[in-house]
Protein backbone atom coordinates (compact mmCIF):
# COMPACT_ATOMS: atom_id res chain seq x y z
CA MET A 1 14.33 142.06 -117.30
CA THR A 2 15.88 143.72 -120.01
CA SER A 3 15.70 142.33 -123.45
CA LYS A 4 18.46 142.05 -125.52
CA LYS A 5 18.13 143.71 -129.04
CA ASN A 6 18.48 141.67 -132.32
CA PRO A 7 21.31 142.82 -134.27
CA SER A 8 19.74 141.75 -137.80
CA LEU A 9 16.45 143.93 -136.83
CA ILE A 10 18.07 146.68 -135.93
CA GLU A 11 20.16 146.52 -139.18
CA SER A 12 16.93 145.86 -141.15
CA LYS A 13 16.04 149.22 -139.69
CA HIS A 14 18.58 151.09 -140.78
CA ILE A 15 18.86 149.72 -144.24
CA LEU A 16 15.17 150.36 -144.44
CA LEU A 17 15.72 154.31 -142.94
CA ALA A 18 18.97 154.36 -145.30
CA SER A 19 16.74 153.65 -148.61
CA GLY A 20 13.65 155.76 -147.66
CA THR A 21 15.93 158.55 -147.11
CA LEU A 22 17.37 157.92 -150.64
CA LEU A 23 14.03 157.53 -152.17
CA LEU A 24 12.85 161.07 -150.93
CA ALA A 25 16.39 163.01 -151.73
CA ILE A 26 15.62 161.34 -155.31
CA TYR A 27 11.65 161.81 -155.80
CA ALA A 28 11.01 164.47 -153.14
CA GLN A 29 14.16 166.75 -153.79
CA THR A 30 12.40 169.87 -153.93
CA ILE A 31 12.20 169.81 -150.20
CA MET A 32 14.41 167.61 -149.17
CA LEU A 33 17.52 169.79 -151.06
CA PRO A 34 16.33 172.83 -149.28
CA ILE A 35 16.43 171.23 -145.86
CA ALA A 36 19.95 169.29 -146.37
CA LEU A 37 21.44 172.46 -147.67
CA GLY A 38 19.79 174.86 -144.64
CA THR A 39 20.90 171.89 -142.27
CA LEU A 40 24.43 172.46 -143.55
CA PHE A 41 24.50 176.06 -143.79
CA ALA A 42 23.22 176.06 -139.93
CA LEU A 43 26.24 174.33 -139.15
CA ILE A 44 28.02 176.54 -140.61
CA ILE A 45 27.13 179.43 -139.02
CA VAL A 46 27.26 177.69 -135.42
CA PRO A 47 31.19 178.98 -135.03
CA ILE A 48 29.91 182.90 -135.97
CA ILE A 49 27.07 182.58 -133.42
CA LYS A 50 29.68 181.40 -131.06
CA PHE A 51 31.99 184.25 -131.74
CA PHE A 52 29.64 186.62 -131.48
CA GLU A 53 28.27 185.64 -128.16
CA SER A 54 32.28 185.65 -126.91
CA LYS A 55 31.74 189.42 -127.75
CA GLY A 56 29.35 189.58 -124.92
CA PHE A 57 26.21 189.47 -127.48
CA SER A 58 22.82 187.80 -126.54
CA THR A 59 21.84 184.70 -128.39
CA VAL A 60 18.94 186.71 -130.25
CA TRP A 61 21.36 189.18 -131.35
CA SER A 62 24.11 186.76 -131.81
CA LYS A 63 22.21 184.48 -134.43
CA THR A 64 20.41 187.91 -135.79
CA LEU A 65 23.99 189.14 -136.31
CA SER A 66 25.41 185.87 -137.83
CA ILE A 67 22.20 185.19 -140.47
CA ILE A 68 22.36 188.82 -141.65
CA CYS A 69 26.84 188.31 -142.17
CA PHE A 70 25.76 184.98 -143.63
CA ALA A 71 23.42 186.49 -146.25
CA LEU A 72 26.09 189.24 -147.15
CA PHE A 73 28.51 186.72 -147.78
CA ILE A 74 26.25 184.56 -150.44
CA ILE A 75 24.85 187.33 -152.05
CA VAL A 76 28.44 189.07 -152.62
CA PHE A 77 29.73 185.27 -153.81
CA LEU A 78 26.97 184.90 -156.20
CA SER A 79 27.24 188.59 -157.59
CA GLY A 80 31.39 187.78 -157.77
CA VAL A 81 30.29 184.55 -160.17
CA ALA A 82 27.55 186.29 -162.03
CA LEU A 83 29.93 189.33 -163.05
CA GLN A 84 33.05 187.27 -163.73
CA ALA A 85 30.68 184.96 -166.14
CA SER A 86 29.25 187.68 -167.91
CA ILE A 87 32.91 189.32 -168.29
CA VAL A 88 33.77 186.12 -169.93
CA SER A 89 30.73 185.28 -171.95
CA SER A 90 30.92 188.66 -173.58
CA GLN A 91 33.35 186.93 -175.81
CA TRP A 92 32.22 183.83 -176.84
CA SER A 93 31.58 184.85 -180.41
CA GLU A 94 35.24 185.72 -180.63
CA ILE A 95 36.32 182.46 -179.04
CA GLU A 96 33.81 180.96 -181.75
CA LYS A 97 35.72 182.70 -184.62
CA LYS A 98 39.25 181.59 -183.62
CA ILE A 99 38.26 177.92 -183.03
CA GLU A 100 37.15 178.30 -186.65
CA LYS A 101 40.02 179.54 -188.02
CA THR A 102 41.90 177.10 -185.90
CA HIS A 103 39.92 174.51 -187.42
CA GLU A 104 40.44 175.72 -191.02
CA SER A 105 44.44 176.01 -190.59
CA TYR A 106 44.41 172.43 -188.57
CA SER A 107 42.09 170.85 -191.84
CA GLU A 108 44.69 171.69 -194.31
CA SER A 109 47.31 170.71 -192.46
CA GLN A 110 49.53 167.28 -192.85
CA ALA A 111 48.84 165.78 -189.71
CA SER A 112 44.69 166.24 -190.36
CA LYS A 113 45.41 164.33 -194.06
CA THR A 114 47.09 161.62 -192.27
CA ILE A 115 44.78 161.16 -189.45
CA ASN A 116 42.03 161.67 -191.73
CA SER A 117 43.83 158.54 -194.39
CA LEU A 118 43.79 156.40 -191.13
CA SER A 119 39.88 156.78 -190.93
CA SER A 120 37.23 154.02 -192.73
CA ASP A 121 35.47 157.14 -193.25
CA LYS A 122 36.66 159.47 -196.09
CA ASN A 123 33.88 162.16 -195.07
CA GLY A 124 35.21 162.64 -191.68
CA TYR A 125 34.15 159.92 -188.83
CA PHE A 126 37.36 160.23 -187.16
CA LYS A 127 38.11 164.34 -187.77
CA PRO A 128 38.69 165.45 -184.38
CA THR A 129 37.79 169.21 -183.95
CA LEU A 130 38.05 171.82 -181.21
CA GLN A 131 34.96 173.32 -183.01
CA SER A 132 32.48 170.10 -181.76
CA ALA A 133 34.17 170.43 -178.34
CA PHE A 134 33.53 174.48 -178.07
CA LYS A 135 30.03 173.79 -178.73
CA ALA A 136 29.64 170.63 -176.21
CA PHE A 137 30.95 172.96 -173.76
CA GLN A 138 28.96 175.75 -174.55
CA SER A 139 25.68 173.60 -174.41
CA ALA A 140 26.99 172.98 -171.12
CA LEU A 141 27.39 176.55 -169.91
CA VAL A 142 23.76 177.44 -171.39
CA GLY A 143 22.60 174.38 -169.18
CA LEU A 144 23.99 175.82 -166.31
CA VAL A 145 23.16 179.29 -166.73
CA GLY A 146 19.35 178.13 -167.39
CA SER A 147 19.22 176.52 -164.14
CA PHE A 148 20.49 179.82 -162.43
CA VAL A 149 17.02 180.61 -161.46
CA SER A 150 16.49 177.27 -160.03
CA MET A 151 19.45 177.41 -158.36
CA LEU A 152 18.49 180.65 -156.51
CA ILE A 153 14.97 179.44 -155.47
CA HIS A 154 16.84 176.42 -153.90
CA LEU A 155 19.14 178.46 -152.13
CA SER A 156 16.25 180.91 -150.91
CA SER A 157 14.32 178.15 -149.45
CA ALA A 158 17.58 176.53 -148.10
CA PHE A 159 18.32 180.19 -146.23
CA LEU A 160 14.85 180.01 -144.70
CA PHE A 161 15.20 176.27 -143.37
CA MET A 162 18.42 177.82 -141.99
CA ILE A 163 16.98 180.04 -140.09
CA LEU A 164 14.09 178.04 -138.77
CA ILE A 165 16.77 175.52 -137.42
CA ILE A 166 18.79 178.26 -135.83
CA ILE A 167 15.69 179.89 -133.62
CA GLU A 168 14.47 175.88 -132.97
CA LYS A 169 17.85 174.76 -132.18
CA GLU A 170 17.01 174.43 -128.34
CA ARG A 171 13.43 172.67 -129.19
CA ILE A 172 15.48 170.07 -131.73
CA LYS A 173 18.03 169.42 -128.77
CA ASN A 174 15.28 168.67 -126.24
CA PHE A 175 13.56 166.74 -129.11
CA PHE A 176 16.50 164.08 -129.28
CA GLU A 177 17.32 164.44 -125.53
CA LYS A 178 13.42 163.09 -125.09
CA MET A 179 13.68 160.45 -127.73
CA TYR A 180 16.89 158.98 -126.62
CA PRO A 181 18.27 157.42 -123.29
CA LYS A 182 20.72 159.49 -121.97
CA LYS A 183 24.31 157.41 -122.97
CA LYS A 184 22.40 157.19 -126.61
CA TYR A 185 21.73 161.21 -126.50
CA ALA A 186 25.27 162.07 -125.80
CA LYS A 187 26.57 159.81 -128.09
CA ILE A 188 24.11 161.86 -130.95
CA PHE A 189 25.47 165.25 -129.45
CA ASP A 190 29.03 164.21 -129.82
CA ALA A 191 28.42 163.53 -133.08
CA ILE A 192 27.12 166.70 -134.01
CA GLY A 193 29.80 168.40 -132.16
CA GLU A 194 32.37 166.73 -134.13
CA SER A 195 30.22 167.19 -137.50
CA VAL A 196 30.26 170.96 -136.87
CA THR A 197 34.03 170.85 -136.29
CA THR A 198 34.34 168.84 -139.49
CA ILE A 199 32.46 170.65 -141.98
CA ASN A 200 33.89 174.48 -140.80
CA SER A 201 37.33 172.81 -141.18
CA TYR A 202 36.67 171.58 -144.20
CA ILE A 203 34.31 174.83 -145.65
CA TRP A 204 36.45 177.15 -144.28
CA GLY A 205 39.75 175.79 -145.11
CA ARG A 206 38.73 175.26 -148.48
CA LEU A 207 37.23 179.18 -148.97
CA LEU A 208 41.31 180.23 -147.88
CA LEU A 209 42.51 177.65 -150.59
CA THR A 210 40.12 178.98 -153.15
CA GLY A 211 41.41 182.52 -152.05
CA ILE A 212 45.30 181.89 -152.48
CA LEU A 213 44.55 180.24 -155.59
CA SER A 214 42.73 183.14 -156.97
CA VAL A 215 46.03 185.37 -156.30
CA VAL A 216 48.08 182.83 -157.36
CA TYR A 217 46.29 182.49 -160.64
CA GLY A 218 45.63 185.82 -161.21
CA ILE A 219 48.95 186.84 -160.70
CA PHE A 220 50.54 184.02 -163.43
CA PHE A 221 47.56 184.65 -166.13
CA SER A 222 47.95 188.16 -165.94
CA LEU A 223 51.71 187.68 -166.53
CA ILE A 224 51.66 185.06 -169.37
CA GLY A 225 48.66 187.45 -171.08
CA LEU A 226 45.83 185.87 -170.65
CA LYS A 227 42.47 187.47 -171.71
CA PHE A 228 40.23 188.26 -168.73
CA ALA A 229 43.24 186.84 -166.04
CA ILE A 230 41.58 188.05 -162.98
CA PRO A 231 37.79 186.84 -163.83
CA VAL A 232 39.01 183.64 -165.30
CA ALA A 233 41.49 183.24 -162.40
CA ILE A 234 38.60 183.56 -160.22
CA LEU A 235 36.33 181.07 -162.05
CA VAL A 236 38.60 178.60 -161.99
CA ALA A 237 39.48 178.96 -158.32
CA LEU A 238 35.80 178.19 -157.88
CA LEU A 239 36.02 175.13 -159.87
CA ASN A 240 38.70 173.96 -157.98
CA ILE A 241 36.37 173.12 -154.90
CA ILE A 242 34.94 170.24 -157.22
CA PRO A 243 37.20 167.42 -156.48
CA TYR A 244 38.92 165.90 -159.21
CA LEU A 245 36.54 166.74 -161.73
CA GLY A 246 36.81 170.63 -161.03
CA ASN A 247 40.57 170.23 -162.55
CA LEU A 248 39.17 168.42 -165.64
CA ILE A 249 36.55 171.60 -166.28
CA SER A 250 38.90 174.12 -165.23
CA ILE A 251 41.57 172.79 -168.20
CA VAL A 252 39.17 172.62 -171.00
CA PHE A 253 37.73 176.17 -170.01
CA LEU A 254 41.56 177.37 -170.31
CA MET A 255 42.23 175.97 -173.44
CA LEU A 256 39.46 177.79 -174.78
CA ILE A 257 39.63 180.88 -173.48
CA SER A 258 43.64 180.75 -174.58
CA LEU A 259 42.28 180.91 -178.09
CA LEU A 260 41.63 184.60 -177.70
CA SER A 261 45.52 185.17 -176.93
CA GLU A 262 48.03 186.12 -179.90
CA ASP A 263 50.36 183.36 -178.87
CA THR A 264 47.46 180.55 -178.33
CA LEU A 265 50.13 177.75 -178.20
CA PHE A 266 52.43 179.55 -175.47
CA VAL A 267 49.62 180.65 -173.26
CA ALA A 268 48.01 177.08 -173.58
CA SER A 269 51.00 175.48 -172.30
CA MET A 270 51.72 177.62 -169.77
CA THR A 271 48.17 177.77 -167.92
CA ILE A 272 48.28 174.17 -167.93
CA SER A 273 52.09 173.94 -166.47
CA ILE A 274 50.65 176.44 -163.87
CA ILE A 275 47.51 174.37 -162.94
CA VAL A 276 49.86 170.74 -162.55
CA VAL A 277 52.47 172.81 -160.41
CA TYR A 278 49.85 174.80 -158.27
CA GLN A 279 47.89 171.11 -158.03
CA PHE A 280 51.19 169.66 -156.72
CA ILE A 281 51.94 172.43 -154.30
CA GLU A 282 48.28 172.44 -152.47
CA GLY A 283 48.08 168.52 -152.40
CA ASN A 284 51.61 168.27 -150.74
CA ILE A 285 51.87 171.13 -148.75
CA LEU A 286 48.73 173.45 -148.61
CA GLU A 287 46.10 171.28 -148.33
CA PRO A 288 47.70 168.71 -145.41
CA TRP A 289 48.77 172.51 -143.84
CA ILE A 290 45.56 174.08 -144.02
CA LEU A 291 42.81 171.27 -144.23
CA GLY A 292 44.93 168.71 -142.51
CA GLY A 293 42.64 165.94 -143.43
CA SER A 294 39.46 167.70 -141.55
CA VAL A 295 36.94 165.41 -143.94
CA ASN A 296 38.76 161.96 -143.48
CA ILE A 297 37.33 160.38 -146.45
CA ASN A 298 39.02 158.51 -148.85
CA PRO A 299 39.35 159.20 -152.83
CA LEU A 300 36.93 156.33 -153.61
CA THR A 301 34.61 157.22 -151.00
CA THR A 302 35.16 160.86 -152.59
CA ILE A 303 34.48 159.48 -156.19
CA LEU A 304 31.23 157.36 -155.05
CA ALA A 305 29.81 160.26 -153.18
CA LEU A 306 30.49 162.60 -155.96
CA THR A 307 28.74 160.83 -158.74
CA LEU A 308 26.01 159.64 -156.49
CA PHE A 309 25.04 163.56 -155.24
CA THR A 310 25.53 164.86 -158.50
CA LEU A 311 23.04 162.25 -160.02
CA ILE A 312 20.76 163.02 -157.21
CA TRP A 313 20.93 166.65 -156.54
CA GLY A 314 22.94 168.16 -159.88
CA VAL A 315 25.31 171.10 -159.14
CA PHE A 316 24.55 171.24 -155.64
CA GLY A 317 25.03 167.53 -155.06
CA THR A 318 28.21 168.30 -156.29
CA LEU A 319 29.26 170.84 -153.75
CA MET A 320 27.57 168.79 -150.82
CA ALA A 321 29.29 165.76 -151.87
CA VAL A 322 32.34 165.89 -149.56
CA PRO A 323 30.86 167.80 -146.63
CA ALA A 324 27.61 165.65 -146.43
CA THR A 325 29.70 162.16 -146.88
CA ALA A 326 31.73 163.36 -144.11
CA VAL A 327 28.83 164.00 -141.31
CA VAL A 328 27.81 160.31 -142.52
CA ARG A 329 31.41 159.24 -141.78
CA VAL A 330 31.71 160.80 -138.60
CA PHE A 331 28.05 159.20 -137.26
CA LEU A 332 29.07 155.84 -138.27
CA SER A 333 32.12 156.59 -136.72
CA HIS A 334 30.00 157.11 -133.38
CA SER A 335 27.89 153.50 -133.71
CA ASP A 336 29.28 150.34 -132.39
CA HIS A 337 27.66 148.56 -134.95
CA TYR A 338 29.08 150.46 -137.99
CA LYS A 339 32.16 151.52 -137.43
CA PRO A 340 34.06 148.73 -139.63
CA LEU A 341 31.92 151.01 -142.21
CA ALA A 342 33.32 154.44 -141.21
CA TYR A 343 36.85 152.79 -140.90
CA LEU A 344 36.09 151.68 -145.00
CA MET A 345 35.09 155.38 -145.72
CA SER A 346 37.71 156.89 -143.91
CA ASP A 347 41.05 158.20 -145.14
CA SER A 348 43.31 157.05 -141.95
CA GLU A 349 43.72 153.79 -139.70
CA GLU A 350 41.59 155.29 -137.29
CA SER A 351 37.85 155.44 -137.93
């Protein structure tokens, strides 16, 4: 005689599990963040392992070579970012002087006098200034640099977890096989397979778009005479990885860099025009062609995920939000009970 499972009991169990995971993510992020990152890295590296195996390498050598390739990629990527950031940061003092000069010119202008006359506080309560914007951006940059050591520690831990997950891949697979009935086990591994495909389509597609963006911005920034055109183009392209927020940060950053140019107004207006035109082309042509809606999550879900992950895990959370949410949606879509929730998160009519 088979006993029917109580749906409300199942739902309560899943709510408790989700709540427990969220609490662990917040209060035990020292361990949870590297595990989550390591799992994500392991999913990314799976196609590389399969590639080496298809070339006749043994499983051990395929895993070893894949780990080495991934490590080299991370080292080159971080070194490139650090190098470009150091080139740009070397000119902060010059930017600050230009901002001070621009601020003084503005203070003496008729526009400034008109705006200040409308303010209730004659001491400058409503006195917009580029200097304050610069200081806020500089503080944020200092905070980011200050957390660089912490980021490296988390990355190192994540890399270690990735290696362990890859080594114990078969044991983890056997664990699920022993833990769940055959039908449920098949569903879990269908979801894992779809998650691997989804994440890799998104990650490698996003990297390709970043490379295209670096080249396009590098050419145009050089033509209009923007200082440090190549390093700035690479940094702005990397910021583009962050949905929505990345473009806003890029515009503020480019406005500050354009102050180093002789014709500030021309360079500033051209950089904004280039960003707007490229974003239109990327959103309507390149992204659908390269990514093809690989993550299948709608803008509302994306914004909520970005907010939540950034609050919990900072910069790493911002970068992980989209792929992690895509994985959650995939697993929900393989559950009969939670398919409606997967549909709510998705960007298509099929969950």
